[in-house]
C-alpha cells in the first residue's frame, strides 16, 4: 500500500489518508457568508477522497478580509452555513478544517479577476491595519494604520471568538494563517514590522503576537482537536524571515500548543524573484523543520505527481501533502493517484453512488 494512503492520527482526529485540500480563497462570499458555491466546491473534494478538506482563509473580523467577497466567521450568524458544510464533509469521509485569518495591510482589495488592487474608501474599501504604517507595495499601495496595543488585543480576541464559532460549526481541525504577508506574518517579518515597542524589533518581540494569539486560541480550542499554523518560514529576501528563525519559532509554538505546522513561504512584499520555483521545492525545508523540531508537518507548493507525494510521506519528509491548484484541476486526484500508485484503496475513496458504477464499468 502506498504511504500516501496510510491513515494519519493527530490528537483524537484520524485522517483516512495523507492528502489535504489546501485553503483556497474563492472570493465568492457576501459579508463573510459561505453559500452554495462553497458547499459544492468543498463538498466535491470530500467526495473525491481527500482526508482533510480546509475551508479558505476565513476572516476573524470585517477589516481582516482580503476582499469584500472573502469568507468570514466574525458573526454568530455565520455558524449555521459553515455547519452545513462541515457536516457534509464529515459525512463523506473527510475531516472538516478551517483556516482563520486577518489580512492586515493586504486587506481591502478587489477580487483577483477584478484587478487584485486596493479599493478606495469611497468605492467600498476600508482602513487597513498593520504592525507598522508601511504599504505592501505594487498594486496594494494603501498605507495601513499602525496598530495600537488596543488594536492588537482586539484582533487577538477576534481570533478567539472566531475559534469558538468554528468549534460550534463542527470543524475538527483549526489552522491559524501566519503566512503570505498577512497580519501575523507582518508582525513576524522585519520587512513589514518596524515597531519599537514590545511587538517589534527583536525576534522575541516580533513573534509575540503570534505566540499570544496561538496561546489564547489553544485555551478555547479543545485539546482533543488539532491546532495547526500555516507559516511563511522564509521570505526569500535579505533582511526577512529565515528558516533558522522559523525553526526556533516552531519550537516555541510547540510549547504553546501547536500540533502541526503547515509549511509555506514568502509574499511579504511583491518581490518573488528569489523563490526557487520547481516541483515540490518546499519539501526539503519541510523535512528539516520536521526533523529539528519534532513537530508534524504538511507541505504543498507544486506537488502534482502522486509518486512525488507518496515519496515525501514514505521518506518522512512530511506527514501530509497539501494540494491546491491540482485539486482544482481534478477534485478526484486522490482516487486517480491511488490508481497510478496501484493502491487497493482506490475504489473505497469514492462514494458508493460512484464506486459501483466504476467497478461495473
Protein backbone atom coordinates (compact mmCIF):
# COMPACT_ATOMS: atom_id res chain seq x y z
CA UNK A 1 0.00 0.00 0.00
CA UNK A 2 1.24 3.47 -0.85
CA UNK A 3 2.28 5.54 2.16
CA UNK A 4 0.14 8.38 0.83
CA UNK A 5 -2.93 6.34 1.73
CA UNK A 6 -1.98 5.47 5.28
CA UNK A 7 -4.22 6.88 7.97
CA UNK A 8 -2.90 9.82 9.97
CA UNK A 9 -3.88 10.37 13.59
CA UNK A 10 -3.39 13.72 15.29
CA UNK A 11 -4.90 14.06 18.76
CA UNK A 12 -8.36 12.43 18.53
CA UNK A 13 -8.72 13.08 14.80
CA UNK A 14 -7.97 10.44 12.18
CA UNK A 15 -7.49 11.30 8.50
CA UNK A 16 -8.24 8.47 6.08
CA UNK A 17 -5.13 9.37 4.08
CA UNK A 18 -2.31 11.92 3.92
CA UNK A 19 -3.95 14.11 1.25
CA UNK A 20 -5.28 17.50 2.34
CA UNK A 21 -7.13 20.15 0.35
CA UNK A 22 -5.32 23.41 0.99
CA UNK A 23 -7.32 26.54 1.87
CA UNK A 24 -8.12 28.33 -1.38
CA UNK A 25 -9.83 31.73 -1.46
CA UNK A 26 -12.91 31.70 -3.68
CA UNK A 27 -13.84 35.40 -3.38
CA UNK A 28 -17.50 34.39 -3.55
CA UNK A 29 -18.97 35.36 -0.16
CA UNK A 30 -21.33 38.17 0.79
CA UNK A 31 -20.46 39.74 4.17
CA UNK A 32 -18.48 36.62 5.01
CA UNK A 33 -21.30 34.12 4.49
CA UNK A 34 -20.44 30.89 2.66
CA UNK A 35 -23.00 29.84 0.09
CA UNK A 36 -23.84 27.07 -2.36
CA UNK A 37 -20.62 27.69 -4.28
CA UNK A 38 -18.57 26.89 -1.18
CA UNK A 39 -20.76 23.89 -0.39
CA UNK A 40 -20.18 22.37 -3.82
CA UNK A 41 -16.53 23.44 -4.09
CA UNK A 42 -15.55 21.93 -0.75
CA UNK A 43 -18.01 19.06 -0.80
CA UNK A 44 -16.78 17.76 -4.14
CA UNK A 45 -13.24 17.48 -2.76
CA UNK A 46 -14.52 15.38 0.15
CA UNK A 47 -16.43 13.18 -2.28
CA UNK A 48 -13.20 12.98 -4.31
CA UNK A 49 -11.38 11.20 -1.48
CA UNK A 50 -9.24 13.77 0.37
CA UNK A 51 -8.53 13.04 4.02
CA UNK A 52 -8.72 16.69 5.11
CA UNK A 53 -10.67 19.49 3.45
CA UNK A 54 -9.81 23.02 4.58
CA UNK A 55 -12.12 26.00 4.23
CA UNK A 56 -10.39 29.00 2.70
CA UNK A 57 -8.78 31.82 4.70
CA UNK A 58 -11.73 32.97 6.81
CA UNK A 59 -11.58 36.43 8.30
CA UNK A 60 -11.92 36.90 12.05
CA UNK A 61 -13.19 40.46 11.60
CA UNK A 62 -14.66 42.53 8.75
CA UNK A 63 -11.50 44.61 8.28
CA UNK A 64 -9.47 41.39 8.19
CA UNK A 65 -10.96 40.29 4.88
CA UNK A 66 -8.71 40.36 1.84
CA UNK A 67 -11.65 41.48 -0.25
CA UNK A 68 -15.33 42.30 0.35
CA UNK A 69 -16.10 38.84 -1.06
CA UNK A 70 -13.98 36.92 1.46
CA UNK A 71 -15.21 34.20 3.75
CA UNK A 72 -15.69 35.32 7.35
CA UNK A 73 -16.62 33.94 10.74
CA UNK A 74 -16.98 37.17 12.71
CA UNK A 75 -20.76 36.87 13.22
CA UNK A 76 -22.73 34.24 15.09
CA UNK A 77 -24.98 34.05 12.03
CA UNK A 78 -22.02 32.71 10.04
CA UNK A 79 -22.08 29.49 12.06
CA UNK A 80 -25.13 27.70 10.50
CA UNK A 81 -23.96 27.84 6.85
CA UNK A 82 -20.49 26.70 7.88
CA UNK A 83 -22.05 23.90 9.94
CA UNK A 84 -23.87 22.65 6.85
CA UNK A 85 -20.54 22.43 5.01
CA UNK A 86 -18.72 20.77 7.91
CA UNK A 87 -21.46 18.13 8.25
CA UNK A 88 -21.29 17.24 4.57
CA UNK A 89 -17.51 16.98 4.55
CA UNK A 90 -17.59 14.63 7.54
CA UNK A 91 -20.44 12.54 6.12
CA UNK A 92 -18.29 11.87 3.07
CA UNK A 93 -15.17 10.80 4.93
CA UNK A 94 -13.14 14.00 5.13
CA UNK A 95 -12.14 15.81 8.31
CA UNK A 96 -13.58 19.35 8.14
CA UNK A 97 -10.99 22.06 8.74
CA UNK A 98 -10.98 25.85 8.64
CA UNK A 99 -8.23 28.46 8.40
CA UNK A 100 -8.65 31.65 10.44
CA UNK A 101 -7.03 34.79 9.07
CA UNK A 102 -6.58 38.54 9.20
CA UNK A 103 -5.24 40.15 6.03
CA UNK A 104 -3.56 43.15 7.66
CA UNK A 105 -2.21 45.65 5.14
CA UNK A 106 -3.24 43.40 2.22
CA UNK A 107 -6.94 43.81 3.07
CA UNK A 108 -9.49 45.97 1.28
CA UNK A 109 -8.59 44.63 -2.17
CA UNK A 110 -10.53 43.77 -5.28
CA UNK A 111 -11.03 40.18 -6.36
CA UNK A 112 -8.08 38.85 -8.40
CA UNK A 113 -10.09 38.87 -11.60
CA UNK A 114 -11.17 42.47 -10.92
CA UNK A 115 -7.67 43.88 -10.52
CA UNK A 116 -6.38 42.47 -7.22
CA UNK A 117 -5.67 46.06 -6.20
CA UNK A 118 -6.60 48.17 -3.20
CA UNK A 119 -10.14 49.56 -3.18
CA UNK A 120 -10.51 53.24 -2.39
CA UNK A 121 -12.61 54.08 0.64
CA UNK A 122 -15.22 55.88 -1.46
CA UNK A 123 -15.55 52.74 -3.59
CA UNK A 124 -16.29 50.40 -0.71
CA UNK A 125 -12.80 49.92 0.69
CA UNK A 126 -11.80 50.36 4.32
CA UNK A 127 -8.93 51.40 6.53
CA UNK A 128 -6.30 48.68 6.80
CA UNK A 129 -4.33 47.76 9.92
CA UNK A 130 -0.76 46.53 10.27
CA UNK A 131 2.09 46.42 12.78
CA UNK A 132 3.67 49.44 11.06
CA UNK A 133 2.48 52.15 8.70
CA UNK A 134 4.24 50.58 5.71
CA UNK A 135 2.47 49.83 2.44
CA UNK A 136 2.81 46.39 0.87
CA UNK A 137 3.60 47.98 -2.50
CA UNK A 138 2.89 47.02 -6.07
CA UNK A 139 -0.84 47.07 -6.73
CA UNK A 140 -1.51 47.37 -2.97
CA UNK A 141 -0.19 50.88 -2.22
CA UNK A 142 -2.53 51.82 0.64
CA UNK A 143 -0.58 52.80 3.76
CA UNK A 144 -2.10 50.97 6.75
CA UNK A 145 -2.72 52.47 10.15
CA UNK A 146 -0.16 51.28 12.70
CA UNK A 147 -1.95 49.16 15.26
CA UNK A 148 -2.24 50.38 18.83
CA UNK A 149 -1.91 47.98 21.75
CA UNK A 150 -5.71 48.10 21.97
CA UNK A 151 -5.96 47.07 18.29
CA UNK A 152 -3.60 44.16 18.91
CA UNK A 153 -5.66 42.94 21.86
CA UNK A 154 -8.90 43.33 19.90
CA UNK A 155 -7.62 41.29 16.94
CA UNK A 156 -6.26 38.61 19.25
CA UNK A 157 -9.69 38.43 20.90
CA UNK A 158 -11.30 38.22 17.46
CA UNK A 159 -9.26 35.10 16.73
CA UNK A 160 -10.53 33.61 19.99
CA UNK A 161 -14.17 34.44 19.18
CA UNK A 162 -13.77 33.04 15.67
CA UNK A 163 -12.32 29.86 17.14
CA UNK A 164 -15.39 29.39 19.32
CA UNK A 165 -17.62 29.82 16.30
CA UNK A 166 -15.54 27.34 14.29
CA UNK A 167 -15.98 24.79 17.06
CA UNK A 168 -19.74 25.46 17.19
CA UNK A 169 -19.90 24.91 13.43
CA UNK A 170 -18.43 21.41 13.81
CA UNK A 171 -14.91 21.92 12.47
CA UNK A 172 -12.37 19.44 13.84
CA UNK A 173 -9.15 20.95 12.52
CA UNK A 174 -8.14 24.57 13.06
CA UNK A 175 -5.37 26.43 11.26
CA UNK A 176 -4.12 29.93 12.04
CA UNK A 177 -2.88 31.82 8.99
CA UNK A 178 0.59 33.13 9.86
CA UNK A 179 1.81 33.29 6.25
CA UNK A 180 1.70 35.01 2.87
CA UNK A 181 2.18 38.58 4.01
CA UNK A 182 -0.99 38.78 6.06
CA UNK A 183 -1.19 40.26 9.54
CA UNK A 184 0.64 37.66 11.65
CA UNK A 185 3.40 37.36 9.04
CA UNK A 186 3.64 41.16 9.03
CA UNK A 187 4.40 41.07 12.76
CA UNK A 188 6.96 38.30 12.24
CA UNK A 189 8.91 39.75 9.32
CA UNK A 190 11.35 42.67 9.80
CA UNK A 191 10.40 43.70 6.27
CA UNK A 192 6.96 44.75 7.50
CA UNK A 193 7.47 45.33 11.21
CA UNK A 194 9.32 48.50 12.24
CA UNK A 195 7.77 48.88 15.67
CA UNK A 196 9.86 49.98 18.64
CA UNK A 197 7.62 48.62 21.41
CA UNK A 198 7.17 45.08 22.76
CA UNK A 199 5.79 43.89 19.40
CA UNK A 200 8.70 44.94 17.19
CA UNK A 201 12.46 44.94 16.82
CA UNK A 202 13.92 41.79 18.35
CA UNK A 203 12.95 38.25 17.37
CA UNK A 204 11.22 37.77 20.72
CA UNK A 205 9.14 40.89 20.18
CA UNK A 206 8.26 40.15 16.56
CA UNK A 207 6.87 36.73 17.43
CA UNK A 208 4.92 37.97 20.46
CA UNK A 209 1.62 38.49 18.61
CA UNK A 210 1.90 35.04 17.02
CA UNK A 211 2.54 33.25 20.32
CA UNK A 212 -0.02 35.24 22.28
CA UNK A 213 -2.71 34.53 19.69
CA UNK A 214 -1.83 30.85 19.49
CA UNK A 215 -1.93 30.52 23.28
CA UNK A 216 -5.24 32.36 23.54
CA UNK A 217 -6.79 30.16 20.85
CA UNK A 218 -5.42 26.99 22.46
CA UNK A 219 -7.33 27.83 25.66
CA UNK A 220 -10.69 27.66 23.86
CA UNK A 221 -9.91 25.06 21.19
CA UNK A 222 -10.25 21.57 22.72
CA UNK A 223 -7.04 19.68 23.43
CA UNK A 224 -8.50 16.66 21.66
CA UNK A 225 -8.59 18.55 18.34
CA UNK A 226 -5.58 19.61 16.22
CA UNK A 227 -4.43 23.22 16.34
CA UNK A 228 -2.17 24.00 13.40
CA UNK A 229 -0.43 27.00 11.86
CA UNK A 230 0.43 27.89 8.29
CA UNK A 231 3.73 29.75 8.49
CA UNK A 232 5.86 31.51 5.90
CA UNK A 233 9.11 30.01 7.12
CA UNK A 234 11.26 32.14 4.81
CA UNK A 235 10.81 35.41 2.95
CA UNK A 236 13.49 34.56 0.35
CA UNK A 237 14.60 38.19 0.75
CA UNK A 238 17.67 39.53 2.54
CA UNK A 239 16.64 41.04 5.86
CA UNK A 240 13.47 38.98 6.02
CA UNK A 241 12.40 35.85 7.86
CA UNK A 242 14.83 32.92 7.76
CA UNK A 243 14.35 29.18 8.15
CA UNK A 244 16.61 29.20 11.19
CA UNK A 245 14.40 31.77 12.92
CA UNK A 246 11.32 29.80 11.96
CA UNK A 247 12.70 26.61 13.48
CA UNK A 248 13.06 28.42 16.80
CA UNK A 249 9.57 29.90 16.43
CA UNK A 250 8.10 26.46 15.76
CA UNK A 251 9.77 25.09 18.89
CA UNK A 252 8.14 27.86 20.92
CA UNK A 253 4.78 27.37 19.23
CA UNK A 254 5.00 23.68 20.08
CA UNK A 255 5.34 24.63 23.75
CA UNK A 256 2.32 26.94 23.35
CA UNK A 257 0.15 24.14 21.97
CA UNK A 258 0.94 23.76 18.26
CA UNK A 259 0.12 20.29 16.90
CA UNK A 260 1.24 20.56 13.26
CA UNK A 261 2.98 23.09 11.01
CA UNK A 262 1.69 23.79 7.52
CA UNK A 263 4.91 24.93 5.84
CA UNK A 264 4.71 27.82 3.38
CA UNK A 265 6.80 30.78 2.25
CA UNK A 266 7.18 34.38 1.08
CA UNK A 267 4.68 37.02 -0.12
CA UNK A 268 5.59 39.64 2.48
CA UNK A 269 6.41 42.03 -0.39
CA UNK A 270 5.63 41.97 -4.13
CA UNK A 271 9.18 40.68 -4.78
CA UNK A 272 9.04 36.95 -5.54
CA UNK A 273 12.11 36.92 -7.79
CA UNK A 274 14.22 34.81 -5.41
CA UNK A 275 11.73 31.96 -4.97
CA UNK A 276 13.35 28.76 -6.36
CA UNK A 277 10.23 27.57 -8.17
CA UNK A 278 10.19 23.89 -9.03
CA UNK A 279 8.24 20.69 -8.33
CA UNK A 280 7.90 20.22 -4.57
CA UNK A 281 10.55 22.87 -3.86
CA UNK A 282 9.45 23.28 -0.22
CA UNK A 283 9.78 19.58 0.64
CA UNK A 284 13.47 19.74 1.73
CA UNK A 285 12.81 22.70 4.04
CA UNK A 286 9.77 20.97 5.47
CA UNK A 287 11.83 17.84 6.12
CA UNK A 288 14.41 19.88 8.01
CA UNK A 289 11.81 21.63 10.16
CA UNK A 290 10.08 18.34 10.95
CA UNK A 291 13.37 16.71 11.89
CA UNK A 292 14.73 19.57 14.02
CA UNK A 293 11.53 20.48 15.89
CA UNK A 294 9.74 17.15 16.24
CA UNK A 295 6.52 18.83 15.04
CA UNK A 296 4.41 17.03 12.41
CA UNK A 297 4.24 18.90 9.12
CA UNK A 298 2.20 19.47 5.99
CA UNK A 299 3.55 20.89 2.75
CA UNK A 300 2.35 21.88 -0.68
CA UNK A 301 3.79 24.03 -3.48
CA UNK A 302 3.96 22.44 -6.92
CA UNK A 303 3.34 18.90 -5.76
CA UNK A 304 1.39 17.37 -8.62
CA UNK A 305 2.76 13.88 -9.17
CA UNK A 306 1.40 11.02 -6.99
CA UNK A 307 4.80 9.34 -6.87
CA UNK A 308 6.45 12.50 -5.58
CA UNK A 309 3.71 12.95 -2.96
CA UNK A 310 3.98 9.33 -1.86
CA UNK A 311 7.77 9.54 -1.61
CA UNK A 312 7.57 12.68 0.55
CA UNK A 313 5.39 10.82 3.06
CA UNK A 314 7.18 7.48 2.80
CA UNK A 315 10.62 9.01 3.40
CA UNK A 316 9.24 11.00 6.36
CA UNK A 317 9.84 14.42 4.86
CA UNK A 318 6.27 15.38 5.74
CA UNK A 319 3.15 13.93 7.31
CA UNK A 320 0.59 15.49 4.97
CA UNK A 321 0.61 16.76 1.41
CA UNK A 322 -1.40 19.93 0.80
CA UNK A 323 -2.91 20.25 -2.66
CA UNK A 324 -4.45 23.41 -4.08
CA UNK A 325 -4.34 24.01 -7.84
CA UNK A 326 -4.08 20.30 -8.50
CA UNK A 327 -7.34 19.80 -6.63
CA UNK A 328 -8.95 22.50 -8.75
CA UNK A 329 -7.84 20.68 -11.87
CA UNK A 330 -9.04 17.34 -10.54
CA UNK A 331 -11.31 17.03 -7.47
CA UNK A 332 -10.77 13.26 -7.71
CA UNK A 333 -7.00 13.49 -7.53
CA UNK A 334 -6.84 11.09 -4.55
CA UNK A 335 -8.72 8.41 -6.48
CA UNK A 336 -6.61 8.86 -9.61
CA UNK A 337 -3.42 8.93 -7.52
CA UNK A 338 -4.37 5.63 -5.90
CA UNK A 339 -4.87 4.10 -9.34
CA UNK A 340 -1.47 5.32 -10.52
CA UNK A 341 0.21 4.02 -7.38
CA UNK A 342 -1.58 0.67 -7.61
CA UNK A 343 -3.18 1.10 -4.21
CA UNK A 344 -6.12 -1.17 -3.43
CA UNK A 345 -7.90 1.64 -1.61
CA UNK A 346 -8.72 3.40 -4.87
CA UNK A 347 -12.37 2.38 -5.16
CA UNK A 348 -13.00 2.94 -1.44
CA UNK A 349 -12.18 6.62 -1.88
CA UNK A 350 -15.32 7.15 -3.93
CA UNK A 351 -18.88 7.28 -2.55
CA UNK A 352 -20.94 4.18 -3.28
CA UNK A 353 -23.02 6.10 -5.82
CA UNK A 354 -19.86 6.44 -7.94
CA UNK A 355 -17.86 3.40 -6.89
CA UNK A 356 -20.44 0.85 -8.05
CA UNK A 357 -20.53 2.43 -11.49
CA UNK A 358 -16.73 2.46 -11.71
CA UNK A 359 -16.48 -1.17 -10.58
CA UNK A 360 -19.05 -2.34 -13.08
CA UNK A 361 -17.85 -0.27 -15.99
